[in-house]
Amino acid sequence: AHKACKIFQLRSKSTAGDDPLDQAAAGRSTVVAEMMHVPTKAVRDIWSRSVGAEMTHSLWTEHEKLLDSCDKFRTATGIATSENRRSGPSKAVRTAATLQQSAWGRSETSDA
């Protein structure tokens, strides 16, 4: 738990504390991973709060708490997360749009 908290604190210079080594490593996942003897992915997962959230919750900023609440709401309601939105419309939406365009195309063709 202590290691996860330390890694979480090193996510940025503003949360890293005053130690010069911590300041130098802050925000650099590869450096933090080497320093803490963990895989780089573990550092990124802790920083993104996808791993160790229960251990690091006390260190979250108000903004991070709000982000977590929004993520939980999206999960509970089925609303697309930002990761899903980056990939564009869902397959169902694309399929519906294609079918709608096909129907419009046929009606225009039959009227002509």
Foldseek 3Di string as FASTA:
>chain_A
DVLLQQLLQLCALVSQDDDPLSNVSRNPLVSSCVVSVHDSVSSVCSNLCVPCCVVNVVVDDPVVVVVVVVVVVCVVVVPDDPVVPVVPDDPVVVVVVVVVVVVVVVVVVVVD
